[in-house]
Amino acid sequence: MTMKPDIRIGADQLQERLEGLELLFQKEKQIPGTWNYQIRRFRRHSYWTNEDAGYFHYHVQQGNVQENYMELRFCLIGNAYCAEKAVECNQCRQQASRTCEQKIPTVDVLEFRFNHAHLSQLVKGMKPATVTDDVLHFRHHTSFSRSIPLHTKMRSVIDTLLNHSYVDTLENIFINAQTQILLLYCMEGMLGMRAEELPISCKFLHNEADRDKIARAREILIEHIGDPITIKELSRKVAINECYLKKGFKEMFGTTIFDFYQNQRMEHARYLLYEKGLSVSEVSALLGYSSISHFSTAFKKHTGIKPCELLIRN
């Protein structure tokens, strides 16, 4: 795939336009050795004319792998922020509260940065046909930027990130999972394909009910982050046989059930250790490990460092 020159498409102009706007809501996460994100919602003025936009930035620094990263940035208008509920309430969504004083039109900016070490873990289970291999492994030697087409599925993920009801640790688990799906959709877009146009190899996934079952299975895995569940139990909960569950999950989300679940556990462990300040033994117990050594081994395999090292960095 031929890459465009390193031009930070629209990012600088966007930042200039945001200056002076009232910040209504901000959420961010900064943990060493992982992905970082920032979500900001600004009060939109009537003179704001920019259209919804997405940007992808690939940064590579020869001889210094630690400085390599990818960044996704999205700017959306047309949403409403409910000052009372801190999200877009149902009335706002249905436009049933046009005169509601709590309904504030917004400019929403979401930014996600993935470093080299973190991406190397994420791409292990992805299907080669759905990712740009040289980019994800930082084998493309020139930095570049390009716009990202915002298709329906991508907008849906962004909408859930802006309007969910999770808090504290559950919020971290949810945002981590949704962000990985967003990255997958963006990489599919890098290949010039819209997610809804990708061929479905599993014929049963043409059935909407079966797709819903697979999506529900993913939700259950997230809900059981500290209470491991077997594939057999999972298949029973969503009423689909194990073979279909495993094939459908890989088809829809680009990774195996095990890899997805293990990734969520380790990223949540990183959050509990670094941001919550829990001890290694506490995190090990919360995530359902039978021993601290098993947890430490799994954590180091995923992150490249021991859990205690992350505590020292905090």
C-alpha atoms as a PDB file:
ATOM      1  CA  MET A   1       0.000   0.000   0.000  1.00  0.00           C
ATOM      2  CA  THR A   2       1.415   3.419  -0.957  1.00  0.00           C
ATOM      3  CA  MET A   3       1.434   5.908   1.898  1.00  0.00           C
ATOM      4  CA  LYS A   4       0.963   9.645   1.619  1.00  0.00           C
ATOM      5  CA  PRO A   5       3.613  12.120   2.842  1.00  0.00           C
ATOM      6  CA  ASP A   6       3.762  12.989   6.535  1.00  0.00           C
ATOM      7  CA  ILE A   7       1.112  15.720   6.681  1.00  0.00           C
ATOM      8  CA  ARG A   8      -0.879  16.066   9.904  1.00  0.00           C
ATOM      9  CA  ILE A   9      -4.201  16.304   8.087  1.00  0.00           C
ATOM     10  CA  GLY A  10      -6.521  18.759   9.776  1.00  0.00           C
ATOM     11  CA  ALA A  11      -5.112  18.233  13.285  1.00  0.00           C
ATOM     12  CA  ASP A  12      -3.498  21.657  13.694  1.00  0.00           C
ATOM     13  CA  GLN A  13      -6.475  23.450  12.170  1.00  0.00           C
ATOM     14  CA  LEU A  14      -8.814  21.522  14.449  1.00  0.00           C
ATOM     15  CA  GLN A  15      -6.854  22.502  17.544  1.00  0.00           C
ATOM     16  CA  GLU A  16      -7.008  26.153  16.541  1.00  0.00           C
ATOM     17  CA  ARG A  17     -10.775  25.995  16.139  1.00  0.00           C
ATOM     18  CA  LEU A  18     -11.234  24.335  19.537  1.00  0.00           C
ATOM     19  CA  GLU A  19      -9.419  27.127  21.345  1.00  0.00           C
ATOM     20  CA  GLY A  20     -11.896  29.335  23.140  1.00  0.00           C
ATOM     21  CA  LEU A  21     -14.697  26.769  23.203  1.00  0.00           C
ATOM     22  CA  GLU A  22     -16.171  25.904  26.599  1.00  0.00           C
ATOM     23  CA  LEU A  23     -15.054  22.471  27.789  1.00  0.00           C
ATOM     24  CA  LEU A  24     -18.079  20.540  29.124  1.00  0.00           C
ATOM     25  CA  PHE A  25     -16.561  17.132  29.805  1.00  0.00           C
ATOM     26  CA  GLN A  26     -13.119  15.546  29.815  1.00  0.00           C
ATOM     27  CA  LYS A  27     -11.909  11.997  30.459  1.00  0.00           C
ATOM     28  CA  GLU A  28      -8.376  10.727  29.954  1.00  0.00           C
ATOM     29  CA  LYS A  29      -6.118   7.797  30.734  1.00  0.00           C
ATOM     30  CA  GLN A  30      -2.328   7.808  30.830  1.00  0.00           C
ATOM     31  CA  ILE A  31      -0.609   4.545  31.749  1.00  0.00           C
ATOM     32  CA  PRO A  32       3.012   3.757  30.755  1.00  0.00           C
ATOM     33  CA  GLY A  33       3.504   1.011  28.193  1.00  0.00           C
ATOM     34  CA  THR A  34      -0.078   0.947  26.931  1.00  0.00           C
ATOM     35  CA  TRP A  35      -2.575   3.008  24.941  1.00  0.00           C
ATOM     36  CA  ASN A  36      -3.629   6.439  26.114  1.00  0.00           C
ATOM     37  CA  TYR A  37      -6.848   8.249  25.375  1.00  0.00           C
ATOM     38  CA  GLN A  38      -8.544  11.594  25.851  1.00  0.00           C
ATOM     39  CA  ILE A  39     -12.223  12.350  25.315  1.00  0.00           C
ATOM     40  CA  ARG A  40     -13.322  15.988  25.326  1.00  0.00           C
ATOM     41  CA  ARG A  41     -16.738  17.499  24.724  1.00  0.00           C
ATOM     42  CA  PHE A  42     -17.046  21.214  23.952  1.00  0.00           C
ATOM     43  CA  ARG A  43     -20.047  23.528  23.702  1.00  0.00           C
ATOM     44  CA  ARG A  44     -20.674  24.028  19.974  1.00  0.00           C
ATOM     45  CA  HIS A  45     -21.415  27.511  18.701  1.00  0.00           C
ATOM     46  CA  SER A  46     -23.691  28.192  15.738  1.00  0.00           C
ATOM     47  CA  TYR A  47     -20.744  29.347  13.609  1.00  0.00           C
ATOM     48  CA  TRP A  48     -19.035  25.921  13.781  1.00  0.00           C
ATOM     49  CA  THR A  49     -19.102  24.598  10.216  1.00  0.00           C
ATOM     50  CA  ASN A  50     -16.615  21.702  10.259  1.00  0.00           C
ATOM     51  CA  GLU A  51     -17.934  18.300   9.223  1.00  0.00           C
ATOM     52  CA  ASP A  52     -17.367  15.064  11.149  1.00  0.00           C
ATOM     53  CA  ALA A  53     -13.838  13.853  10.542  1.00  0.00           C
ATOM     54  CA  GLY A  54     -11.385  11.126  11.479  1.00  0.00           C
ATOM     55  CA  TYR A  55      -7.599  11.215  11.265  1.00  0.00           C
ATOM     56  CA  PHE A  56      -4.921   8.537  11.481  1.00  0.00           C
ATOM     57  CA  HIS A  57      -1.311   9.416  12.287  1.00  0.00           C
ATOM     58  CA  TYR A  58       1.579   6.944  12.040  1.00  0.00           C
ATOM     59  CA  HIS A  59       4.828   8.015  13.722  1.00  0.00           C
ATOM     60  CA  VAL A  60       8.027   6.020  13.341  1.00  0.00           C
ATOM     61  CA  GLN A  61      11.465   7.000  14.582  1.00  0.00           C
ATOM     62  CA  GLN A  62      14.324   4.965  13.186  1.00  0.00           C
ATOM     63  CA  GLY A  63      16.608   3.477  15.825  1.00  0.00           C
ATOM     64  CA  ASN A  64      14.211   4.240  18.686  1.00  0.00           C
ATOM     65  CA  VAL A  65      11.337   1.743  18.796  1.00  0.00           C
ATOM     66  CA  GLN A  66      10.023   3.166  22.058  1.00  0.00           C
ATOM     67  CA  GLU A  67       9.074   6.386  20.262  1.00  0.00           C
ATOM     68  CA  ASN A  68       6.924   4.650  17.635  1.00  0.00           C
ATOM     69  CA  TYR A  69       3.175   5.130  17.965  1.00  0.00           C
ATOM     70  CA  MET A  70      -0.133   5.371  16.112  1.00  0.00           C
ATOM     71  CA  GLU A  71      -2.784   7.933  16.863  1.00  0.00           C
ATOM     72  CA  LEU A  72      -6.480   8.043  16.047  1.00  0.00           C
ATOM     73  CA  ARG A  73      -8.349  11.331  16.313  1.00  0.00           C
ATOM     74  CA  PHE A  74     -12.043  11.962  15.712  1.00  0.00           C
ATOM     75  CA  CYS A  75     -14.071  15.147  15.699  1.00  0.00           C
ATOM     76  CA  LEU A  76     -17.870  14.915  15.607  1.00  0.00           C
ATOM     77  CA  ILE A  77     -20.660  17.469  15.713  1.00  0.00           C
ATOM     78  CA  GLY A  78     -24.407  17.067  15.961  1.00  0.00           C
ATOM     79  CA  ASN A  79     -24.435  15.325  19.338  1.00  0.00           C
ATOM     80  CA  ALA A  80     -26.077  16.683  22.471  1.00  0.00           C
ATOM     81  CA  TYR A  81     -24.624  16.710  25.959  1.00  0.00           C
ATOM     82  CA  CYS A  82     -27.092  16.521  28.828  1.00  0.00           C
ATOM     83  CA  ALA A  83     -25.717  18.753  31.575  1.00  0.00           C
ATOM     84  CA  GLU A  84     -27.754  16.894  34.166  1.00  0.00           C
ATOM     85  CA  LYS A  85     -26.788  13.326  33.219  1.00  0.00           C
ATOM     86  CA  ALA A  86     -23.332  13.994  31.725  1.00  0.00           C
ATOM     87  CA  VAL A  87     -24.283  11.910  28.661  1.00  0.00           C
ATOM     88  CA  GLU A  88     -26.776  12.144  25.843  1.00  0.00           C
ATOM     89  CA  CYS A  89     -30.005  11.119  27.553  1.00  0.00           C
ATOM     90  CA  ASN A  90     -32.792   9.216  25.795  1.00  0.00           C
ATOM     91  CA  GLN A  91     -34.855  12.341  25.363  1.00  0.00           C
ATOM     92  CA  CYS A  92     -31.912  14.079  23.705  1.00  0.00           C
ATOM     93  CA  ARG A  93     -31.372  11.094  21.428  1.00  0.00           C
ATOM     94  CA  GLN A  94     -35.027  11.093  20.355  1.00  0.00           C
ATOM     95  CA  GLN A  95     -34.972  14.874  19.985  1.00  0.00           C
ATOM     96  CA  ALA A  96     -37.996  14.957  22.277  1.00  0.00           C
ATOM     97  CA  SER A  97     -36.488  17.686  24.415  1.00  0.00           C
ATOM     98  CA  ARG A  98     -35.776  20.419  21.871  1.00  0.00           C
ATOM     99  CA  THR A  99     -36.492  23.123  24.446  1.00  0.00           C
ATOM    100  CA  CYS A 100     -34.680  21.396  27.325  1.00  0.00           C
ATOM    101  CA  GLU A 101     -32.243  23.821  28.911  1.00  0.00           C
ATOM    102  CA  GLN A 102     -29.975  20.920  29.871  1.00  0.00           C
ATOM    103  CA  LYS A 103     -29.447  19.907  26.237  1.00  0.00           C
ATOM    104  CA  ILE A 104     -26.195  21.388  24.928  1.00  0.00           C
ATOM    105  CA  PRO A 105     -25.009  20.973  21.287  1.00  0.00           C
ATOM    106  CA  THR A 106     -21.421  19.721  21.259  1.00  0.00           C
ATOM    107  CA  VAL A 107     -18.185  19.320  19.373  1.00  0.00           C
ATOM    108  CA  ASP A 108     -16.751  15.974  20.506  1.00  0.00           C
ATOM    109  CA  VAL A 109     -13.055  15.170  20.164  1.00  0.00           C
ATOM    110  CA  LEU A 110     -11.685  11.681  20.871  1.00  0.00           C
ATOM    111  CA  GLU A 111      -7.967  10.878  20.695  1.00  0.00           C
ATOM    112  CA  PHE A 112      -6.301   7.481  21.108  1.00  0.00           C
ATOM    113  CA  ARG A 113      -2.572   6.756  21.030  1.00  0.00           C
ATOM    114  CA  PHE A 114      -1.141   3.220  20.792  1.00  0.00           C
ATOM    115  CA  ASN A 115       2.555   2.603  21.374  1.00  0.00           C
ATOM    116  CA  HIS A 116       4.685  -0.056  19.713  1.00  0.00           C
ATOM    117  CA  ALA A 117       4.769  -2.520  22.639  1.00  0.00           C
ATOM    118  CA  HIS A 118       1.014  -2.420  23.140  1.00  0.00           C
ATOM    119  CA  LEU A 119       0.200  -2.878  19.466  1.00  0.00           C
ATOM    120  CA  SER A 120       2.480  -5.897  19.215  1.00  0.00           C
ATOM    121  CA  GLN A 121       0.199  -7.610  21.739  1.00  0.00           C
ATOM    122  CA  LEU A 122      -3.024  -6.560  20.035  1.00  0.00           C
ATOM    123  CA  VAL A 123      -2.139  -7.810  16.561  1.00  0.00           C
ATOM    124  CA  LYS A 124      -1.267 -11.353  17.645  1.00  0.00           C
ATOM    125  CA  GLY A 125      -4.784 -12.650  17.101  1.00  0.00           C
ATOM    126  CA  MET A 126      -5.857 -10.424  14.216  1.00  0.00           C
ATOM    127  CA  LYS A 127      -6.546 -11.942  10.824  1.00  0.00           C
ATOM    128  CA  PRO A 128      -3.827 -11.018   8.271  1.00  0.00           C
ATOM    129  CA  ALA A 129      -6.501 -10.100   5.716  1.00  0.00           C
ATOM    130  CA  THR A 130      -7.970  -7.393   7.945  1.00  0.00           C
ATOM    131  CA  VAL A 131      -4.856  -5.520   9.038  1.00  0.00           C
ATOM    132  CA  THR A 132      -2.122  -3.530   7.341  1.00  0.00           C
ATOM    133  CA  ASP A 133       0.748  -5.689   8.548  1.00  0.00           C
ATOM    134  CA  ASP A 134       3.707  -3.389   7.853  1.00  0.00           C
ATOM    135  CA  VAL A 135       2.004  -0.494   9.611  1.00  0.00           C
ATOM    136  CA  LEU A 136       0.893  -2.398  12.712  1.00  0.00           C
ATOM    137  CA  HIS A 137       4.386  -3.845  13.146  1.00  0.00           C
ATOM    138  CA  PHE A 138       6.052  -0.481  12.368  1.00  0.00           C
ATOM    139  CA  ARG A 139       7.883  -1.869   9.353  1.00  0.00           C
ATOM    140  CA  HIS A 140       6.810   1.085   7.219  1.00  0.00           C
ATOM    141  CA  HIS A 141       9.804   3.436   7.527  1.00  0.00           C
ATOM    142  CA  THR A 142       8.170   6.830   6.954  1.00  0.00           C
ATOM    143  CA  SER A 143       5.737   8.696   9.182  1.00  0.00           C
ATOM    144  CA  PHE A 144       2.469   9.688   7.533  1.00  0.00           C
ATOM    145  CA  SER A 145      -1.077  10.877   8.194  1.00  0.00           C
ATOM    146  CA  ARG A 146      -4.347  10.354   6.407  1.00  0.00           C
ATOM    147  CA  SER A 147      -8.061  10.866   6.887  1.00  0.00           C
ATOM    148  CA  ILE A 148     -10.305   8.027   8.097  1.00  0.00           C
ATOM    149  CA  PRO A 149     -13.743   7.486   6.550  1.00  0.00           C
ATOM    150  CA  LEU A 150     -16.358   7.378   9.314  1.00  0.00           C
ATOM    151  CA  HIS A 151     -18.667   4.515   8.399  1.00  0.00           C
ATOM    152  CA  THR A 152     -21.737   3.394  10.347  1.00  0.00           C
ATOM    153  CA  LYS A 153     -20.071   0.780  12.539  1.00  0.00           C
ATOM    154  CA  MET A 154     -17.277   3.167  13.527  1.00  0.00           C
ATOM    155  CA  ARG A 155     -19.772   5.875  14.436  1.00  0.00           C
ATOM    156  CA  SER A 156     -21.653   3.355  16.555  1.00  0.00           C
ATOM    157  CA  VAL A 157     -18.520   2.536  18.571  1.00  0.00           C
ATOM    158  CA  ILE A 158     -17.721   6.225  19.056  1.00  0.00           C
ATOM    159  CA  ASP A 159     -21.301   6.842  20.178  1.00  0.00           C
ATOM    160  CA  THR A 160     -21.021   4.165  22.877  1.00  0.00           C
ATOM    161  CA  LEU A 161     -17.765   5.746  24.084  1.00  0.00           C
ATOM    162  CA  LEU A 162     -19.510   9.097  24.453  1.00  0.00           C
ATOM    163  CA  ASN A 163     -22.733   7.786  25.964  1.00  0.00           C
ATOM    164  CA  HIS A 164     -22.275   4.869  28.327  1.00  0.00           C
ATOM    165  CA  SER A 165     -23.234   4.459  31.977  1.00  0.00           C
ATOM    166  CA  TYR A 166     -20.173   2.543  33.224  1.00  0.00           C
ATOM    167  CA  VAL A 167     -18.057   4.033  36.001  1.00  0.00           C
ATOM    168  CA  ASP A 168     -14.728   3.343  37.674  1.00  0.00           C
ATOM    169  CA  THR A 169     -13.223  -0.082  36.893  1.00  0.00           C
ATOM    170  CA  LEU A 170     -16.104  -1.205  34.668  1.00  0.00           C
ATOM    171  CA  GLU A 171     -15.658   1.953  32.621  1.00  0.00           C
ATOM    172  CA  ASN A 172     -11.980   1.110  32.098  1.00  0.00           C
ATOM    173  CA  ILE A 173     -12.828  -2.413  30.914  1.00  0.00           C
ATOM    174  CA  PHE A 174     -15.536  -1.125  28.572  1.00  0.00           C
ATOM    175  CA  ILE A 175     -13.446   1.652  27.003  1.00  0.00           C
ATOM    176  CA  ASN A 176     -10.488  -0.690  26.498  1.00  0.00           C
ATOM    177  CA  ALA A 177     -12.647  -3.215  24.630  1.00  0.00           C
ATOM    178  CA  GLN A 178     -14.421  -0.611  22.482  1.00  0.00           C
ATOM    179  CA  THR A 179     -11.149   1.093  21.586  1.00  0.00           C
ATOM    180  CA  GLN A 180      -9.687  -2.120  20.222  1.00  0.00           C
ATOM    181  CA  ILE A 181     -12.725  -2.592  17.985  1.00  0.00           C
ATOM    182  CA  LEU A 182     -12.341   1.013  16.829  1.00  0.00           C
ATOM    183  CA  LEU A 183      -8.690   0.357  15.945  1.00  0.00           C
ATOM    184  CA  LEU A 184      -9.665  -2.746  13.975  1.00  0.00           C
ATOM    185  CA  TYR A 185     -12.260  -0.802  11.966  1.00  0.00           C
ATOM    186  CA  CYS A 186      -9.711   1.936  11.271  1.00  0.00           C
ATOM    187  CA  MET A 187      -7.144  -0.553  10.009  1.00  0.00           C
ATOM    188  CA  GLU A 188      -9.774  -2.096   7.733  1.00  0.00           C
ATOM    189  CA  GLY A 189     -10.395   1.410   6.432  1.00  0.00           C
ATOM    190  CA  MET A 190      -6.673   1.734   5.731  1.00  0.00           C
ATOM    191  CA  LEU A 191      -7.111  -1.049   3.196  1.00  0.00           C
ATOM    192  CA  GLY A 192      -9.770   1.008   1.455  1.00  0.00           C
ATOM    193  CA  MET A 193     -12.626  -1.197   2.632  1.00  0.00           C
ATOM    194  CA  ARG A 194     -15.640  -0.216   4.668  1.00  0.00           C
ATOM    195  CA  ALA A 195     -16.402  -2.586   7.526  1.00  0.00           C
ATOM    196  CA  GLU A 196     -19.955  -3.213   6.324  1.00  0.00           C
ATOM    197  CA  GLU A 197     -18.585  -4.232   2.900  1.00  0.00           C
ATOM    198  CA  LEU A 198     -16.143  -6.854   4.187  1.00  0.00           C
ATOM    199  CA  PRO A 199     -17.070 -10.359   3.033  1.00  0.00           C
ATOM    200  CA  ILE A 200     -18.508 -12.660   5.704  1.00  0.00           C
ATOM    201  CA  SER A 201     -16.960 -16.108   5.463  1.00  0.00           C
ATOM    202  CA  CYS A 202     -19.192 -17.643   8.162  1.00  0.00           C
ATOM    203  CA  LYS A 203     -22.556 -18.068   6.439  1.00  0.00           C
ATOM    204  CA  PHE A 204     -24.483 -18.223   9.719  1.00  0.00           C
ATOM    205  CA  LEU A 205     -23.398 -14.638  10.465  1.00  0.00           C
ATOM    206  CA  HIS A 206     -25.689 -13.422   7.701  1.00  0.00           C
ATOM    207  CA  ASN A 207     -28.389 -14.075  10.298  1.00  0.00           C
ATOM    208  CA  GLU A 208     -28.784 -10.980  12.487  1.00  0.00           C
ATOM    209  CA  ALA A 209     -29.878 -13.083  15.479  1.00  0.00           C
ATOM    210  CA  ASP A 210     -26.625 -15.066  15.356  1.00  0.00           C
ATOM    211  CA  ARG A 211     -24.561 -11.883  15.079  1.00  0.00           C
ATOM    212  CA  ASP A 212     -26.351 -10.570  18.159  1.00  0.00           C
ATOM    213  CA  LYS A 213     -25.440 -13.751  20.041  1.00  0.00           C
ATOM    214  CA  ILE A 214     -21.758 -13.316  19.212  1.00  0.00           C
ATOM    215  CA  ALA A 215     -21.898  -9.665  20.266  1.00  0.00           C
ATOM    216  CA  ARG A 216     -23.593 -10.686  23.512  1.00  0.00           C
ATOM    217  CA  ALA A 217     -20.838 -13.254  24.117  1.00  0.00           C
ATOM    218  CA  ARG A 218     -18.286 -10.448  23.965  1.00  0.00           C
ATOM    219  CA  GLU A 219     -20.276  -8.431  26.495  1.00  0.00           C
ATOM    220  CA  ILE A 220     -20.428 -11.431  28.844  1.00  0.00           C
ATOM    221  CA  LEU A 221     -16.647 -11.862  28.642  1.00  0.00           C
ATOM    222  CA  ILE A 222     -16.212  -8.253  29.703  1.00  0.00           C
ATOM    223  CA  GLU A 223     -18.684  -8.718  32.556  1.00  0.00           C
ATOM    224  CA  HIS A 224     -16.723 -11.790  33.711  1.00  0.00           C
ATOM    225  CA  ILE A 225     -13.335 -10.067  33.719  1.00  0.00           C
ATOM    226  CA  GLY A 226     -12.667 -11.267  37.281  1.00  0.00           C
ATOM    227  CA  ASP A 227     -14.646 -14.476  37.057  1.00  0.00           C
ATOM    228  CA  PRO A 228     -13.245 -16.667  34.237  1.00  0.00           C
ATOM    229  CA  ILE A 229     -15.858 -18.411  32.142  1.00  0.00           C
ATOM    230  CA  THR A 230     -15.314 -21.406  29.844  1.00  0.00           C
ATOM    231  CA  ILE A 231     -16.270 -21.406  26.172  1.00  0.00           C
ATOM    232  CA  LYS A 232     -18.792 -24.144  26.914  1.00  0.00           C
ATOM    233  CA  GLU A 233     -20.477 -21.996  29.576  1.00  0.00           C
ATOM    234  CA  LEU A 234     -20.346 -18.975  27.287  1.00  0.00           C
ATOM    235  CA  SER A 235     -21.957 -20.856  24.410  1.00  0.00           C
ATOM    236  CA  ARG A 236     -24.793 -21.962  26.687  1.00  0.00           C
ATOM    237  CA  LYS A 237     -25.414 -18.430  27.896  1.00  0.00           C
ATOM    238  CA  VAL A 238     -25.854 -17.114  24.360  1.00  0.00           C
ATOM    239  CA  ALA A 239     -27.527 -20.253  22.990  1.00  0.00           C
ATOM    240  CA  ILE A 240     -25.119 -21.033  20.175  1.00  0.00           C
ATOM    241  CA  ASN A 241     -22.859 -24.064  19.734  1.00  0.00           C
ATOM    242  CA  GLU A 242     -19.172 -23.793  20.601  1.00  0.00           C
ATOM    243  CA  CYS A 243     -17.899 -24.178  17.044  1.00  0.00           C
ATOM    244  CA  TYR A 244     -20.116 -21.371  15.733  1.00  0.00           C
ATOM    245  CA  LEU A 245     -19.225 -19.229  18.724  1.00  0.00           C
ATOM    246  CA  LYS A 246     -15.473 -19.536  18.157  1.00  0.00           C
ATOM    247  CA  LYS A 247     -15.666 -19.067  14.382  1.00  0.00           C
ATOM    248  CA  GLY A 248     -18.172 -16.219  14.619  1.00  0.00           C
ATOM    249  CA  PHE A 249     -16.181 -14.385  17.282  1.00  0.00           C
ATOM    250  CA  LYS A 250     -12.998 -14.530  15.195  1.00  0.00           C
ATOM    251  CA  GLU A 251     -14.901 -13.370  12.120  1.00  0.00           C
ATOM    252  CA  MET A 252     -16.617 -10.429  13.811  1.00  0.00           C
ATOM    253  CA  PHE A 253     -13.845  -9.193  16.079  1.00  0.00           C
ATOM    254  CA  GLY A 254     -10.650 -10.326  14.364  1.00  0.00           C
ATOM    255  CA  THR A 255      -9.309 -12.240  17.372  1.00  0.00           C
ATOM    256  CA  THR A 256      -9.919 -15.467  19.265  1.00  0.00           C
ATOM    257  CA  ILE A 257     -12.062 -15.602  22.386  1.00  0.00           C
ATOM    258  CA  PHE A 258      -9.050 -16.523  24.506  1.00  0.00           C
ATOM    259  CA  ASP A 259      -6.824 -13.737  23.128  1.00  0.00           C
ATOM    260  CA  PHE A 260      -9.573 -11.166  23.535  1.00  0.00           C
ATOM    261  CA  TYR A 261     -10.356 -12.205  27.096  1.00  0.00           C
ATOM    262  CA  GLN A 262      -6.707 -12.422  28.133  1.00  0.00           C
ATOM    263  CA  ASN A 263      -5.991  -9.020  26.650  1.00  0.00           C
ATOM    264  CA  GLN A 264      -8.891  -7.456  28.545  1.00  0.00           C
ATOM    265  CA  ARG A 265      -7.737  -9.028  31.822  1.00  0.00           C
ATOM    266  CA  MET A 266      -4.146  -7.848  31.464  1.00  0.00           C
ATOM    267  CA  GLU A 267      -5.104  -4.328  30.436  1.00  0.00           C
ATOM    268  CA  HIS A 268      -7.469  -4.144  33.378  1.00  0.00           C
ATOM    269  CA  ALA A 269      -4.698  -5.441  35.630  1.00  0.00           C
ATOM    270  CA  ARG A 270      -2.436  -2.663  34.374  1.00  0.00           C
ATOM    271  CA  TYR A 271      -5.146  -0.139  35.228  1.00  0.00           C
ATOM    272  CA  LEU A 272      -5.706  -1.561  38.736  1.00  0.00           C
ATOM    273  CA  LEU A 273      -1.983  -1.583  39.489  1.00  0.00           C
ATOM    274  CA  TYR A 274      -1.087   1.822  38.096  1.00  0.00           C
ATOM    275  CA  GLU A 275      -4.173   3.994  38.548  1.00  0.00           C
ATOM    276  CA  LYS A 276      -5.833   2.318  41.529  1.00  0.00           C
ATOM    277  CA  GLY A 277      -2.610   1.467  43.347  1.00  0.00           C
ATOM    278  CA  LEU A 278      -3.706  -2.070  44.268  1.00  0.00           C
ATOM    279  CA  SER A 279      -1.096  -4.621  45.270  1.00  0.00           C
ATOM    280  CA  VAL A 280      -0.076  -7.527  43.034  1.00  0.00           C
ATOM    281  CA  SER A 281      -1.832 -10.003  45.318  1.00  0.00           C
ATOM    282  CA  GLU A 282      -5.051  -7.934  45.307  1.00  0.00           C
ATOM    283  CA  VAL A 283      -5.118  -7.691  41.514  1.00  0.00           C
ATOM    284  CA  SER A 284      -4.334 -11.379  41.145  1.00  0.00           C
ATOM    285  CA  ALA A 285      -7.304 -12.264  43.356  1.00  0.00           C
ATOM    286  CA  LEU A 286      -9.669  -9.806  41.659  1.00  0.00           C
ATOM    287  CA  LEU A 287      -8.914 -11.311  38.256  1.00  0.00           C
ATOM    288  CA  GLY A 288      -9.528 -14.853  39.451  1.00  0.00           C
ATOM    289  CA  TYR A 289      -5.963 -16.219  39.364  1.00  0.00           C
ATOM    290  CA  SER A 290      -5.210 -19.246  41.530  1.00  0.00           C
ATOM    291  CA  SER A 291      -1.765 -17.919  42.434  1.00  0.00           C
ATOM    292  CA  ILE A 292       0.247 -14.705  42.272  1.00  0.00           C
ATOM    293  CA  SER A 293       2.969 -16.447  40.251  1.00  0.00           C
ATOM    294  CA  HIS A 294       0.501 -17.467  37.528  1.00  0.00           C
ATOM    295  CA  PHE A 295      -0.772 -13.906  37.339  1.00  0.00           C
ATOM    296  CA  SER A 296       2.750 -12.428  37.266  1.00  0.00           C
ATOM    297  CA  THR A 297       3.781 -14.781  34.473  1.00  0.00           C
ATOM    298  CA  ALA A 298       0.721 -13.897  32.380  1.00  0.00           C
ATOM    299  CA  PHE A 299       1.191 -10.181  33.008  1.00  0.00           C
ATOM    300  CA  LYS A 300       4.861 -10.217  31.987  1.00  0.00           C
ATOM    301  CA  LYS A 301       4.063 -12.231  28.856  1.00  0.00           C
ATOM    302  CA  HIS A 302       1.484  -9.638  27.852  1.00  0.00           C
ATOM    303  CA  THR A 303       3.247  -6.414  28.868  1.00  0.00           C
ATOM    304  CA  GLY A 304       6.927  -7.308  28.910  1.00  0.00           C
ATOM    305  CA  ILE A 305       7.325  -6.219  32.531  1.00  0.00           C
ATOM    306  CA  LYS A 306       6.566  -7.686  35.941  1.00  0.00           C
ATOM    307  CA  PRO A 307       3.542  -6.305  37.852  1.00  0.00           C
ATOM    308  CA  CYS A 308       5.792  -4.987  40.610  1.00  0.00           C
ATOM    309  CA  GLU A 309       7.741  -2.930  38.067  1.00  0.00           C
ATOM    310  CA  LEU A 310       4.604  -1.034  37.115  1.00  0.00           C
ATOM    311  CA  LEU A 311       3.949  -0.268  40.792  1.00  0.00           C
ATOM    312  CA  ILE A 312       7.451   1.172  41.076  1.00  0.00           C
ATOM    313  CA  ARG A 313       6.802   3.466  38.107  1.00  0.00           C
ATOM    314  CA  ASN A 314       3.654   4.843  39.714  1.00  0.00           C
END
